[in-house]
Amino acid sequence: MKAKIVEIFSSIQGEGPYVGERQVFARFFGCNMSCRFCDERKKTDFLEYSEEGLVEKIIAEGEATVSLTGGEPLLQADFLKAILPVLKERGLKIYLETNGVLKHALLKVMDHVDIISMDVKLPSSTGRGAYWDAHSEFLKEAVRKEVFIKSVVTPKTLLSDIEKAASLVKAVDKNIPFIIQPVSYNDNIEGIDELDTFFDSAKNMLDDVRIIPQVHKILGVK
């Protein structure tokens, strides 16, 4: 069994509540979505790694946490199911970044994941259809681990989508952190006039709401 990997590198976590923490990133190739703001959707190059090869490459980076990112890592859940116990035995913490719709794939690896960074995709941000039901079912499982929600907002984002996302999270647990992430285009953070309104709306329903841009874009690092 082999995995399709775009790159493996050590850097700081640039998103969410763990911003600034050093991690090793394993960027998996491919996604089941095509959000209009995604940096990775046009990438076509990847390397194939065996289970042992990827484990050794990750360990060699020398960080305490591995971020499984993409693309969508859960598209390769069977491979993850094979390597995650090994990484855990080697003392690494497992941080999963996911678009939050592949519940059955999550269940394959749940026992070996420590932190779940779960997107809630806002239709007005992504330019795609809604995934409310899939997100809700995913979150009901993910909440058994440490989980936080990330929603990317753009100048096209509708307040009604923020309200729907916050309501979805509240229905599971209003204490789950909810991160509003202003979109980045060409490594520049986009100005969004409605940020305060988005924050206030979400905060009316949830206990932990934060606005956090992609800090690695600001610093000019991966």
N, C-alpha and C. Protein backbone atom coordinates (compact mmCIF):
# COMPACT_ATOMS: atom_id res chain seq x y z
N MET A 1 0.85 -1.19 0.00
CA MET A 1 0.00 0.00 0.00
C MET A 1 0.89 1.25 0.00
N LYS A 2 0.56 2.20 -0.86
CA LYS A 2 1.32 3.44 -0.94
C LYS A 2 0.39 4.65 -0.86
N ALA A 3 0.95 5.75 -0.41
CA ALA A 3 0.20 7.00 -0.31
C ALA A 3 0.73 8.01 -1.31
N LYS A 4 -0.18 8.84 -1.82
CA LYS A 4 0.21 9.95 -2.69
C LYS A 4 0.42 11.19 -1.83
N ILE A 5 1.66 11.68 -1.83
CA ILE A 5 2.06 12.78 -0.96
C ILE A 5 2.63 13.92 -1.82
N VAL A 6 2.13 15.12 -1.59
CA VAL A 6 2.62 16.30 -2.31
C VAL A 6 3.96 16.74 -1.73
N GLU A 7 4.05 16.81 -0.40
CA GLU A 7 5.28 17.28 0.25
C GLU A 7 5.25 16.93 1.72
N ILE A 8 6.44 16.89 2.31
CA ILE A 8 6.62 16.71 3.75
C ILE A 8 7.62 17.77 4.20
N PHE A 9 7.27 18.54 5.22
CA PHE A 9 8.14 19.63 5.63
C PHE A 9 7.84 20.02 7.07
N SER A 10 8.79 20.66 7.70
CA SER A 10 8.63 21.17 9.06
C SER A 10 8.41 22.67 9.00
N SER A 11 7.43 23.15 9.76
CA SER A 11 7.14 24.59 9.78
C SER A 11 6.29 24.88 11.02
N ILE A 12 5.79 26.11 11.10
CA ILE A 12 4.85 26.44 12.17
C ILE A 12 3.43 26.18 11.69
N GLN A 13 2.58 25.81 12.63
CA GLN A 13 1.16 25.73 12.32
C GLN A 13 0.63 27.16 12.15
N GLY A 14 0.02 27.42 11.00
CA GLY A 14 -0.40 28.79 10.70
C GLY A 14 -1.87 29.05 10.87
N GLU A 15 -2.64 28.05 11.31
CA GLU A 15 -4.09 28.20 11.38
C GLU A 15 -4.63 27.72 12.72
N GLY A 16 -5.72 28.34 13.16
CA GLY A 16 -6.44 27.82 14.32
C GLY A 16 -5.76 28.06 15.64
N PRO A 17 -6.25 27.41 16.69
CA PRO A 17 -5.77 27.68 18.06
C PRO A 17 -4.35 27.20 18.33
N TYR A 18 -3.78 26.36 17.46
CA TYR A 18 -2.40 25.91 17.64
C TYR A 18 -1.41 26.72 16.82
N VAL A 19 -1.83 27.90 16.38
CA VAL A 19 -0.97 28.75 15.56
C VAL A 19 0.35 29.02 16.29
N GLY A 20 1.44 28.92 15.52
CA GLY A 20 2.76 29.18 16.08
C GLY A 20 3.49 27.95 16.58
N GLU A 21 2.78 26.82 16.74
CA GLU A 21 3.43 25.59 17.19
C GLU A 21 4.15 24.93 16.03
N ARG A 22 5.38 24.46 16.28
CA ARG A 22 6.10 23.76 15.22
C ARG A 22 5.52 22.36 15.04
N GLN A 23 5.35 21.99 13.78
CA GLN A 23 4.83 20.68 13.44
C GLN A 23 5.53 20.19 12.17
N VAL A 24 5.45 18.90 11.92
CA VAL A 24 5.83 18.38 10.62
C VAL A 24 4.54 18.15 9.84
N PHE A 25 4.52 18.60 8.60
CA PHE A 25 3.33 18.54 7.77
C PHE A 25 3.49 17.47 6.71
N ALA A 26 2.54 16.57 6.62
CA ALA A 26 2.48 15.60 5.54
C ALA A 26 1.26 15.98 4.69
N ARG A 27 1.54 16.53 3.51
CA ARG A 27 0.45 17.02 2.66
C ARG A 27 0.03 15.93 1.66
N PHE A 28 -1.17 15.41 1.86
CA PHE A 28 -1.69 14.35 1.02
C PHE A 28 -2.29 14.93 -0.26
N PHE A 29 -2.15 14.17 -1.34
CA PHE A 29 -2.62 14.61 -2.65
C PHE A 29 -4.09 14.25 -2.84
N GLY A 30 -4.83 15.17 -3.46
CA GLY A 30 -6.19 14.88 -3.86
C GLY A 30 -7.23 15.34 -2.85
N CYS A 31 -8.39 15.73 -3.38
CA CYS A 31 -9.50 16.17 -2.53
C CYS A 31 -10.81 15.83 -3.22
N ASN A 32 -11.83 15.63 -2.43
CA ASN A 32 -13.16 15.38 -2.95
C ASN A 32 -13.97 16.65 -3.12
N MET A 33 -13.34 17.80 -2.91
CA MET A 33 -13.97 19.10 -3.12
C MET A 33 -13.09 19.94 -4.03
N SER A 34 -13.63 21.06 -4.44
CA SER A 34 -12.85 22.01 -5.25
C SER A 34 -13.28 23.43 -4.89
N CYS A 35 -12.93 23.83 -3.68
CA CYS A 35 -13.31 25.16 -3.20
C CYS A 35 -12.55 26.23 -3.98
N ARG A 36 -13.23 27.31 -4.31
CA ARG A 36 -12.61 28.30 -5.18
C ARG A 36 -11.42 29.01 -4.55
N PHE A 37 -11.30 28.97 -3.23
CA PHE A 37 -10.18 29.65 -2.57
C PHE A 37 -9.01 28.72 -2.28
N CYS A 38 -9.11 27.43 -2.65
CA CYS A 38 -8.11 26.45 -2.23
C CYS A 38 -6.77 26.64 -2.95
N ASP A 39 -5.68 26.62 -2.17
CA ASP A 39 -4.32 26.73 -2.72
C ASP A 39 -3.88 25.45 -3.43
N GLU A 40 -4.46 24.33 -3.05
CA GLU A 40 -3.92 23.03 -3.46
C GLU A 40 -4.65 22.40 -4.65
N ARG A 41 -5.78 22.94 -5.06
CA ARG A 41 -6.62 22.21 -6.01
C ARG A 41 -5.99 22.08 -7.39
N LYS A 42 -5.05 22.95 -7.74
CA LYS A 42 -4.44 22.88 -9.07
C LYS A 42 -3.16 22.06 -9.11
N LYS A 43 -2.74 21.52 -7.96
CA LYS A 43 -1.51 20.75 -7.92
C LYS A 43 -1.72 19.37 -8.54
N THR A 44 -0.78 18.96 -9.36
CA THR A 44 -0.87 17.67 -10.04
C THR A 44 0.30 16.75 -9.74
N ASP A 45 1.33 17.26 -9.09
CA ASP A 45 2.53 16.46 -8.83
C ASP A 45 2.49 15.86 -7.42
N PHE A 46 2.93 14.63 -7.32
CA PHE A 46 3.01 13.97 -6.02
C PHE A 46 4.06 12.87 -6.08
N LEU A 47 4.49 12.44 -4.90
CA LEU A 47 5.37 11.28 -4.77
C LEU A 47 4.60 10.17 -4.08
N GLU A 48 4.98 8.94 -4.35
CA GLU A 48 4.36 7.82 -3.67
C GLU A 48 5.29 7.30 -2.58
N TYR A 49 4.72 7.11 -1.39
CA TYR A 49 5.49 6.62 -0.24
C TYR A 49 4.90 5.31 0.25
N SER A 50 5.76 4.39 0.59
CA SER A 50 5.33 3.19 1.30
C SER A 50 5.03 3.56 2.75
N GLU A 51 4.42 2.65 3.47
CA GLU A 51 4.12 2.90 4.88
C GLU A 51 5.41 3.19 5.66
N GLU A 52 6.39 2.34 5.51
CA GLU A 52 7.65 2.52 6.22
C GLU A 52 8.37 3.78 5.78
N GLY A 53 8.34 4.05 4.47
CA GLY A 53 9.03 5.23 3.95
C GLY A 53 8.46 6.53 4.48
N LEU A 54 7.13 6.62 4.56
CA LEU A 54 6.52 7.85 5.06
C LEU A 54 6.75 8.02 6.55
N VAL A 55 6.65 6.94 7.30
CA VAL A 55 6.91 7.01 8.74
C VAL A 55 8.32 7.53 8.99
N GLU A 56 9.30 6.97 8.31
CA GLU A 56 10.68 7.37 8.54
C GLU A 56 10.93 8.82 8.12
N LYS A 57 10.30 9.25 7.04
CA LYS A 57 10.44 10.64 6.59
C LYS A 57 9.86 11.61 7.61
N ILE A 58 8.70 11.26 8.16
CA ILE A 58 8.08 12.11 9.17
C ILE A 58 8.93 12.17 10.43
N ILE A 59 9.40 11.03 10.89
CA ILE A 59 10.22 10.96 12.10
C ILE A 59 11.50 11.79 11.93
N ALA A 60 12.06 11.74 10.73
CA ALA A 60 13.33 12.43 10.47
C ALA A 60 13.21 13.94 10.60
N GLU A 61 11.99 14.48 10.48
CA GLU A 61 11.81 15.93 10.61
C GLU A 61 11.97 16.40 12.05
N GLY A 62 11.83 15.50 13.01
CA GLY A 62 12.17 15.80 14.39
C GLY A 62 11.18 16.63 15.18
N GLU A 63 9.92 16.66 14.75
CA GLU A 63 8.91 17.41 15.49
C GLU A 63 8.04 16.47 16.33
N ALA A 64 7.36 17.03 17.32
CA ALA A 64 6.57 16.21 18.24
C ALA A 64 5.15 15.96 17.73
N THR A 65 4.71 16.76 16.77
CA THR A 65 3.35 16.65 16.23
C THR A 65 3.43 16.55 14.72
N VAL A 66 2.63 15.65 14.15
CA VAL A 66 2.51 15.58 12.70
C VAL A 66 1.12 16.04 12.30
N SER A 67 1.08 17.00 11.38
CA SER A 67 -0.18 17.49 10.83
C SER A 67 -0.43 16.78 9.51
N LEU A 68 -1.52 16.04 9.46
CA LEU A 68 -1.95 15.37 8.24
C LEU A 68 -2.87 16.34 7.51
N THR A 69 -2.40 16.86 6.38
CA THR A 69 -3.12 17.92 5.70
C THR A 69 -3.25 17.57 4.23
N GLY A 70 -3.75 18.48 3.44
CA GLY A 70 -3.99 18.15 2.04
C GLY A 70 -4.25 19.38 1.23
N GLY A 71 -5.09 19.18 0.21
CA GLY A 71 -5.93 18.02 -0.08
C GLY A 71 -6.78 17.54 1.09
N GLU A 72 -7.18 16.27 0.98
CA GLU A 72 -7.99 15.65 2.02
C GLU A 72 -7.35 14.34 2.43
N PRO A 73 -6.70 14.30 3.61
CA PRO A 73 -6.02 13.08 4.06
C PRO A 73 -6.94 11.87 4.17
N LEU A 74 -8.20 12.09 4.54
CA LEU A 74 -9.09 10.96 4.78
C LEU A 74 -9.46 10.20 3.51
N LEU A 75 -9.14 10.74 2.34
CA LEU A 75 -9.31 9.97 1.12
C LEU A 75 -8.36 8.77 1.10
N GLN A 76 -7.31 8.83 1.91
CA GLN A 76 -6.33 7.74 2.01
C GLN A 76 -6.37 7.14 3.41
N ALA A 77 -7.59 6.94 3.91
CA ALA A 77 -7.79 6.50 5.29
C ALA A 77 -7.20 5.13 5.56
N ASP A 78 -7.25 4.21 4.61
CA ASP A 78 -6.70 2.88 4.85
C ASP A 78 -5.19 2.94 5.07
N PHE A 79 -4.53 3.81 4.32
CA PHE A 79 -3.09 4.00 4.53
C PHE A 79 -2.84 4.62 5.90
N LEU A 80 -3.62 5.62 6.26
CA LEU A 80 -3.47 6.25 7.58
C LEU A 80 -3.69 5.24 8.70
N LYS A 81 -4.67 4.39 8.52
CA LYS A 81 -4.96 3.39 9.55
C LYS A 81 -3.76 2.49 9.79
N ALA A 82 -2.95 2.29 8.75
CA ALA A 82 -1.76 1.44 8.88
C ALA A 82 -0.60 2.16 9.55
N ILE A 83 -0.41 3.46 9.26
CA ILE A 83 0.79 4.13 9.77
C ILE A 83 0.58 4.87 11.09
N LEU A 84 -0.64 5.27 11.39
CA LEU A 84 -0.84 6.09 12.59
C LEU A 84 -0.46 5.37 13.88
N PRO A 85 -0.79 4.08 14.05
CA PRO A 85 -0.34 3.40 15.27
C PRO A 85 1.18 3.40 15.42
N VAL A 86 1.88 3.31 14.29
CA VAL A 86 3.35 3.32 14.34
C VAL A 86 3.86 4.69 14.77
N LEU A 87 3.28 5.75 14.22
CA LEU A 87 3.68 7.10 14.61
C LEU A 87 3.38 7.36 16.08
N LYS A 88 2.24 6.85 16.55
CA LYS A 88 1.91 7.02 17.97
C LYS A 88 2.91 6.28 18.84
N GLU A 89 3.31 5.09 18.42
CA GLU A 89 4.31 4.32 19.18
C GLU A 89 5.64 5.04 19.23
N ARG A 90 5.91 5.84 18.20
CA ARG A 90 7.16 6.60 18.16
C ARG A 90 7.04 7.94 18.91
N GLY A 91 5.89 8.16 19.55
CA GLY A 91 5.74 9.31 20.44
C GLY A 91 5.16 10.57 19.81
N LEU A 92 4.66 10.48 18.58
CA LEU A 92 4.13 11.67 17.92
C LEU A 92 2.66 11.88 18.25
N LYS A 93 2.28 13.16 18.34
CA LYS A 93 0.88 13.54 18.43
C LYS A 93 0.33 13.68 17.01
N ILE A 94 -0.92 13.24 16.79
CA ILE A 94 -1.51 13.23 15.46
C ILE A 94 -2.56 14.33 15.36
N TYR A 95 -2.34 15.23 14.42
CA TYR A 95 -3.20 16.40 14.19
C TYR A 95 -3.78 16.24 12.78
N LEU A 96 -5.08 16.05 12.69
CA LEU A 96 -5.74 15.79 11.41
C LEU A 96 -6.46 17.04 10.92
N GLU A 97 -6.11 17.51 9.73
CA GLU A 97 -6.82 18.60 9.08
C GLU A 97 -7.73 18.00 8.01
N THR A 98 -9.03 18.31 8.07
CA THR A 98 -9.99 17.64 7.21
C THR A 98 -11.13 18.57 6.82
N ASN A 99 -11.72 18.29 5.66
CA ASN A 99 -12.87 19.09 5.23
C ASN A 99 -14.17 18.67 5.91
N GLY A 100 -14.11 17.65 6.73
CA GLY A 100 -15.21 17.38 7.65
C GLY A 100 -16.47 16.79 7.05
N VAL A 101 -16.34 15.95 6.02
CA VAL A 101 -17.53 15.31 5.45
C VAL A 101 -17.40 13.79 5.34
N LEU A 102 -16.21 13.26 5.52
CA LEU A 102 -15.99 11.82 5.30
C LEU A 102 -16.03 11.07 6.63
N LYS A 103 -17.24 10.95 7.17
CA LYS A 103 -17.39 10.36 8.50
C LYS A 103 -16.88 8.93 8.56
N HIS A 104 -17.20 8.11 7.59
CA HIS A 104 -16.81 6.71 7.64
C HIS A 104 -15.30 6.55 7.56
N ALA A 105 -14.65 7.41 6.81
CA ALA A 105 -13.19 7.39 6.76
C ALA A 105 -12.61 7.82 8.11
N LEU A 106 -13.20 8.82 8.73
CA LEU A 106 -12.74 9.25 10.06
C LEU A 106 -12.80 8.10 11.06
N LEU A 107 -13.87 7.32 11.02
CA LEU A 107 -14.02 6.24 11.98
C LEU A 107 -12.92 5.20 11.85
N LYS A 108 -12.33 5.07 10.68
CA LYS A 108 -11.24 4.12 10.49
C LYS A 108 -9.98 4.52 11.27
N VAL A 109 -9.79 5.83 11.48
CA VAL A 109 -8.54 6.30 12.09
C VAL A 109 -8.74 6.99 13.43
N MET A 110 -10.00 7.13 13.85
CA MET A 110 -10.32 7.92 15.03
C MET A 110 -9.50 7.55 16.26
N ASP A 111 -9.28 6.27 16.48
CA ASP A 111 -8.59 5.84 17.70
C ASP A 111 -7.16 6.35 17.78
N HIS A 112 -6.59 6.74 16.65
CA HIS A 112 -5.17 7.11 16.62
C HIS A 112 -4.96 8.61 16.40
N VAL A 113 -6.03 9.39 16.43
CA VAL A 113 -5.96 10.84 16.20
C VAL A 113 -6.10 11.56 17.53
N ASP A 114 -5.31 12.62 17.71
CA ASP A 114 -5.38 13.41 18.95
C ASP A 114 -6.19 14.69 18.78
N ILE A 115 -5.98 15.39 17.68
CA ILE A 115 -6.61 16.70 17.45
C ILE A 115 -7.21 16.69 16.05
N ILE A 116 -8.45 17.20 15.94
CA ILE A 116 -9.11 17.28 14.64
C ILE A 116 -9.41 18.74 14.32
N SER A 117 -8.81 19.23 13.26
CA SER A 117 -9.12 20.55 12.71
C SER A 117 -10.15 20.32 11.60
N MET A 118 -11.39 20.62 11.89
CA MET A 118 -12.50 20.30 11.00
C MET A 118 -13.04 21.55 10.31
N ASP A 119 -13.02 21.55 9.01
CA ASP A 119 -13.65 22.63 8.27
C ASP A 119 -15.17 22.47 8.29
N VAL A 120 -15.85 23.59 8.38
CA VAL A 120 -17.26 23.65 8.00
C VAL A 120 -17.32 24.56 6.79
N LYS A 121 -17.61 23.97 5.64
CA LYS A 121 -17.56 24.68 4.37
C LYS A 121 -18.83 25.51 4.18
N LEU A 122 -18.64 26.81 4.02
CA LEU A 122 -19.76 27.72 3.81
C LEU A 122 -20.02 27.84 2.31
N PRO A 123 -21.21 27.52 1.83
CA PRO A 123 -21.47 27.54 0.39
C PRO A 123 -21.14 28.86 -0.28
N SER A 124 -21.41 29.96 0.41
CA SER A 124 -21.14 31.27 -0.19
C SER A 124 -19.65 31.56 -0.25
N SER A 125 -18.85 30.87 0.55
CA SER A 125 -17.39 31.01 0.50
C SER A 125 -16.78 30.11 -0.56
N THR A 126 -17.24 28.86 -0.60
CA THR A 126 -16.60 27.86 -1.46
C THR A 126 -17.04 27.94 -2.91
N GLY A 127 -18.25 28.48 -3.15
CA GLY A 127 -18.81 28.45 -4.49
C GLY A 127 -19.38 27.09 -4.85
N ARG A 128 -19.55 26.24 -3.86
CA ARG A 128 -20.10 24.90 -4.07
C ARG A 128 -21.39 24.76 -3.28
N GLY A 129 -21.97 23.56 -3.35
CA GLY A 129 -23.19 23.30 -2.60
C GLY A 129 -22.93 23.18 -1.11
N ALA A 130 -24.01 23.00 -0.37
CA ALA A 130 -23.93 22.90 1.09
C ALA A 130 -23.64 21.48 1.53
N TYR A 131 -22.96 21.35 2.66
CA TYR A 131 -22.63 20.05 3.25
C TYR A 131 -23.12 19.98 4.70
N TRP A 132 -24.18 20.68 5.02
CA TRP A 132 -24.59 20.80 6.42
C TRP A 132 -24.82 19.45 7.07
N ASP A 133 -25.54 18.56 6.43
CA ASP A 133 -25.84 17.26 7.04
C ASP A 133 -24.57 16.43 7.23
N ALA A 134 -23.72 16.42 6.22
CA ALA A 134 -22.47 15.66 6.33
C ALA A 134 -21.58 16.23 7.42
N HIS A 135 -21.50 17.56 7.53
CA HIS A 135 -20.71 18.19 8.59
C HIS A 135 -21.27 17.82 9.97
N SER A 136 -22.59 17.86 10.10
CA SER A 136 -23.21 17.54 11.38
C SER A 136 -22.89 16.12 11.81
N GLU A 137 -23.02 15.17 10.89
CA GLU A 137 -22.74 13.77 11.22
C GLU A 137 -21.26 13.56 11.55
N PHE A 138 -20.39 14.25 10.83
CA PHE A 138 -18.95 14.15 11.09
C PHE A 138 -18.63 14.69 12.47
N LEU A 139 -19.17 15.85 12.81
CA LEU A 139 -18.85 16.48 14.09
C LEU A 139 -19.34 15.65 15.27
N LYS A 140 -20.46 14.98 15.11
CA LYS A 140 -20.97 14.14 16.18
C LYS A 140 -19.99 13.02 16.54
N GLU A 141 -19.18 12.59 15.58
CA GLU A 141 -18.14 11.61 15.85
C GLU A 141 -16.85 12.29 16.31
N ALA A 142 -16.48 13.38 15.64
CA ALA A 142 -15.21 14.05 15.93
C ALA A 142 -15.15 14.59 17.35
N VAL A 143 -16.29 14.91 17.93
CA VAL A 143 -16.32 15.52 19.26
C VAL A 143 -15.79 14.57 20.34
N ARG A 144 -15.64 13.29 20.00
CA ARG A 144 -15.04 12.35 20.96
C ARG A 144 -13.55 12.60 21.14
N LYS A 145 -12.97 13.41 20.26
CA LYS A 145 -11.58 13.82 20.37
C LYS A 145 -11.53 15.33 20.60
N GLU A 146 -10.32 15.87 20.76
CA GLU A 146 -10.19 17.33 20.78
C GLU A 146 -10.45 17.84 19.36
N VAL A 147 -11.43 18.70 19.21
CA VAL A 147 -11.81 19.16 17.88
C VAL A 147 -12.06 20.67 17.92
N PHE A 148 -11.71 21.33 16.84
CA PHE A 148 -12.14 22.71 16.65
C PHE A 148 -12.61 22.87 15.21
N ILE A 149 -13.43 23.90 15.01
CA ILE A 149 -14.04 24.17 13.71
C ILE A 149 -13.34 25.36 13.07
N LYS A 150 -13.14 25.26 11.77
CA LYS A 150 -12.58 26.36 10.99
C LYS A 150 -13.50 26.63 9.81
N SER A 151 -13.93 27.88 9.65
CA SER A 151 -14.72 28.28 8.50
C SER A 151 -14.03 29.44 7.80
N VAL A 152 -13.71 29.25 6.53
CA VAL A 152 -13.08 30.29 5.73
C VAL A 152 -14.16 31.26 5.25
N VAL A 153 -13.88 32.55 5.43
CA VAL A 153 -14.81 33.58 4.96
C VAL A 153 -14.13 34.43 3.89
N THR A 154 -14.93 34.87 2.94
CA THR A 154 -14.47 35.67 1.81
C THR A 154 -15.38 36.89 1.68
N PRO A 155 -15.07 37.80 0.77
CA PRO A 155 -15.99 38.92 0.55
C PRO A 155 -17.38 38.49 0.08
N LYS A 156 -17.54 37.26 -0.37
CA LYS A 156 -18.83 36.75 -0.83
C LYS A 156 -19.61 36.01 0.25
N THR A 157 -19.00 35.83 1.42
CA THR A 157 -19.64 35.04 2.47
C THR A 157 -20.91 35.71 2.99
N LEU A 158 -21.95 34.92 3.15
CA LEU A 158 -23.23 35.42 3.65
C LEU A 158 -23.33 35.20 5.16
N LEU A 159 -23.91 36.17 5.83
CA LEU A 159 -24.14 36.05 7.27
C LEU A 159 -24.98 34.82 7.58
N SER A 160 -25.93 34.51 6.74
CA SER A 160 -26.79 33.34 6.99
C SER A 160 -25.98 32.05 7.04
N ASP A 161 -24.88 31.97 6.28
CA ASP A 161 -24.03 30.78 6.34
C ASP A 161 -23.28 30.70 7.66
N ILE A 162 -22.80 31.83 8.16
CA ILE A 162 -22.15 31.85 9.48
C ILE A 162 -23.14 31.41 10.55
N GLU A 163 -24.34 31.91 10.48
CA GLU A 163 -25.37 31.55 11.46
C GLU A 163 -25.68 30.05 11.40
N LYS A 164 -25.75 29.52 10.19
CA LYS A 164 -26.03 28.09 10.03
C LYS A 164 -24.89 27.25 10.59
N ALA A 165 -23.65 27.66 10.32
CA ALA A 165 -22.49 26.92 10.82
C ALA A 165 -22.44 26.95 12.34
N ALA A 166 -22.64 28.13 12.93
CA ALA A 166 -22.61 28.25 14.39
C ALA A 166 -23.72 27.43 15.03
N SER A 167 -24.89 27.43 14.40
CA SER A 167 -26.01 26.64 14.92
C SER A 167 -25.70 25.15 14.88
N LEU A 168 -25.04 24.72 13.80
CA LEU A 168 -24.65 23.32 13.66
C LEU A 168 -23.71 22.91 14.79
N VAL A 169 -22.73 23.77 15.09
CA VAL A 169 -21.77 23.47 16.16
C VAL A 169 -22.47 23.48 17.52
N LYS A 170 -23.33 24.46 17.74
CA LYS A 170 -24.04 24.57 19.02
C LYS A 170 -24.87 23.32 19.30
N ALA A 171 -25.43 22.74 18.27
CA ALA A 171 -26.27 21.55 18.44
C ALA A 171 -25.47 20.36 18.98
N VAL A 172 -24.15 20.39 18.80
CA VAL A 172 -23.28 19.33 19.31
C VAL A 172 -22.66 19.72 20.64
N ASP A 173 -22.04 20.91 20.68
CA ASP A 173 -21.40 21.40 21.91
C ASP A 173 -20.99 22.85 21.70
N LYS A 174 -21.58 23.76 22.44
CA LYS A 174 -21.31 25.18 22.23
C LYS A 174 -19.91 25.59 22.71
N ASN A 175 -19.20 24.67 23.37
CA ASN A 175 -17.84 24.97 23.82
C ASN A 175 -16.78 24.64 22.77
N ILE A 176 -17.15 24.01 21.67
CA ILE A 176 -16.18 23.71 20.62
C ILE A 176 -15.66 25.02 20.04
N PRO A 177 -14.34 25.23 19.98
CA PRO A 177 -13.81 26.47 19.39
C PRO A 177 -14.23 26.60 17.93
N PHE A 178 -14.61 27.81 17.57
CA PHE A 178 -15.08 28.13 16.22
C PHE A 178 -14.18 29.24 15.67
N ILE A 179 -13.38 28.87 14.67
CA ILE A 179 -12.40 29.80 14.11
C ILE A 179 -12.94 30.37 12.79
N ILE A 180 -13.03 31.68 12.73
CA ILE A 180 -13.39 32.37 11.48
C ILE A 180 -12.08 32.77 10.82
N GLN A 181 -11.83 32.23 9.63
CA GLN A 181 -10.54 32.44 8.96
C GLN A 181 -10.72 33.25 7.68
N PRO A 182 -10.26 34.51 7.69
CA PRO A 182 -10.31 35.32 6.45
C PRO A 182 -9.50 34.66 5.35
N VAL A 183 -10.05 34.64 4.15
CA VAL A 183 -9.41 33.96 3.04
C VAL A 183 -8.12 34.66 2.63
N SER A 184 -7.19 33.87 2.09
CA SER A 184 -5.93 34.40 1.54
C SER A 184 -5.90 34.15 0.05
N TYR A 185 -5.55 35.17 -0.72
CA TYR A 185 -5.35 35.03 -2.15
C TYR A 185 -3.92 35.46 -2.49
N ASN A 186 -3.18 34.57 -3.15
CA ASN A 186 -1.80 34.89 -3.52
C ASN A 186 -0.98 35.34 -2.31
N ASP A 187 -1.19 34.63 -1.18
CA ASP A 187 -0.47 34.88 0.07
C ASP A 187 -0.82 36.21 0.73
N ASN A 188 -1.88 36.86 0.29
CA ASN A 188 -2.34 38.10 0.91
C ASN A 188 -3.67 37.85 1.61
N ILE A 189 -3.80 38.33 2.85
CA ILE A 189 -5.04 38.18 3.60
C ILE A 189 -6.07 39.16 3.04
N GLU A 190 -7.22 38.64 2.65
CA GLU A 190 -8.25 39.46 2.05
C GLU A 190 -8.97 40.29 3.12
N GLY A 191 -9.22 41.57 2.82
CA GLY A 191 -10.01 42.40 3.71
C GLY A 191 -11.48 42.04 3.59
N ILE A 192 -12.16 41.83 4.72
CA ILE A 192 -13.56 41.42 4.71
C ILE A 192 -14.33 42.35 5.64
N ASP A 193 -15.23 43.13 5.08
CA ASP A 193 -15.93 44.17 5.83
C ASP A 193 -16.83 43.62 6.92
N GLU A 194 -17.34 42.40 6.74
CA GLU A 194 -18.34 41.87 7.66
C GLU A 194 -17.76 41.05 8.81
N LEU A 195 -16.44 41.10 8.99
CA LEU A 195 -15.83 40.24 10.01
C LEU A 195 -16.44 40.45 11.40
N ASP A 196 -16.62 41.69 11.80
CA ASP A 196 -17.20 41.96 13.12
C ASP A 196 -18.60 41.39 13.24
N THR A 197 -19.36 41.52 12.18
CA THR A 197 -20.73 40.99 12.19
C THR A 197 -20.72 39.47 12.27
N PHE A 198 -19.82 38.84 11.51
CA PHE A 198 -19.70 37.39 11.57
C PHE A 198 -19.34 36.94 12.98
N PHE A 199 -18.37 37.62 13.58
CA PHE A 199 -17.93 37.27 14.93
C PHE A 199 -19.09 37.39 15.92
N ASP A 200 -19.78 38.53 15.91
CA ASP A 200 -20.86 38.76 16.87
C ASP A 200 -21.97 37.73 16.71
N SER A 201 -22.28 37.38 15.47
CA SER A 201 -23.35 36.40 15.23
C SER A 201 -22.98 35.04 15.79
N ALA A 202 -21.76 34.59 15.54
CA ALA A 202 -21.32 33.30 16.05
C ALA A 202 -21.20 33.31 17.57
N LYS A 203 -20.73 34.43 18.11
CA LYS A 203 -20.53 34.54 19.55
C LYS A 203 -21.86 34.51 20.31
N ASN A 204 -22.92 34.90 19.67
CA ASN A 204 -24.25 34.84 20.29
C ASN A 204 -24.68 33.40 20.56
N MET A 205 -24.06 32.45 19.84
CA MET A 205 -24.45 31.05 19.98
C MET A 205 -23.38 30.17 20.62
N LEU A 206 -22.11 30.59 20.51
CA LEU A 206 -21.00 29.74 20.92
C LEU A 206 -20.12 30.43 21.96
N ASP A 207 -19.44 29.65 22.79
CA ASP A 207 -18.63 30.22 23.87
C ASP A 207 -17.23 30.64 23.43
N ASP A 208 -16.68 30.00 22.39
CA ASP A 208 -15.29 30.24 22.01
C ASP A 208 -15.22 30.52 20.51
N VAL A 209 -15.25 31.80 20.16
CA VAL A 209 -15.19 32.23 18.76
C VAL A 209 -13.97 33.11 18.58
N ARG A 210 -13.19 32.86 17.53
CA ARG A 210 -11.98 33.64 17.29
C ARG A 210 -11.84 33.94 15.80
N ILE A 211 -11.25 35.07 15.48
CA ILE A 211 -10.87 35.40 14.12
C ILE A 211 -9.35 35.21 14.02
N ILE A 212 -8.92 34.26 13.21
CA ILE A 212 -7.49 33.97 13.07
C ILE A 212 -7.17 33.80 11.58
N PRO A 213 -6.38 34.69 11.02
CA PRO A 213 -5.97 34.53 9.61
C PRO A 213 -4.90 33.46 9.48
N GLN A 214 -4.49 33.18 8.25
CA GLN A 214 -3.41 32.23 8.01
C GLN A 214 -2.08 32.93 8.29
N VAL A 215 -1.57 32.70 9.49
CA VAL A 215 -0.38 33.41 9.96
C VAL A 215 0.85 33.06 9.13
N HIS A 216 0.92 31.82 8.64
CA HIS A 216 2.09 31.45 7.83
C HIS A 216 2.14 32.25 6.53
N LYS A 217 0.97 32.67 6.02
CA LYS A 217 0.97 33.52 4.83
C LYS A 217 1.54 34.92 5.18
N ILE A 218 1.20 35.42 6.34
CA ILE A 218 1.71 36.71 6.77
C ILE A 218 3.23 36.66 6.94
N LEU A 219 3.73 35.57 7.48
CA LEU A 219 5.17 35.42 7.74
C LEU A 219 5.95 35.00 6.51
N GLY A 220 5.24 34.58 5.47
CA GLY A 220 5.92 34.18 4.25
C GLY A 220 6.61 32.82 4.35
N VAL A 221 6.00 31.90 5.13
CA VAL A 221 6.53 30.55 5.25
C VAL A 221 5.45 29.57 4.77
N LYS A 222 5.83 28.32 4.58
CA LYS A 222 4.84 27.30 4.19
C LYS A 222 3.80 27.13 5.27
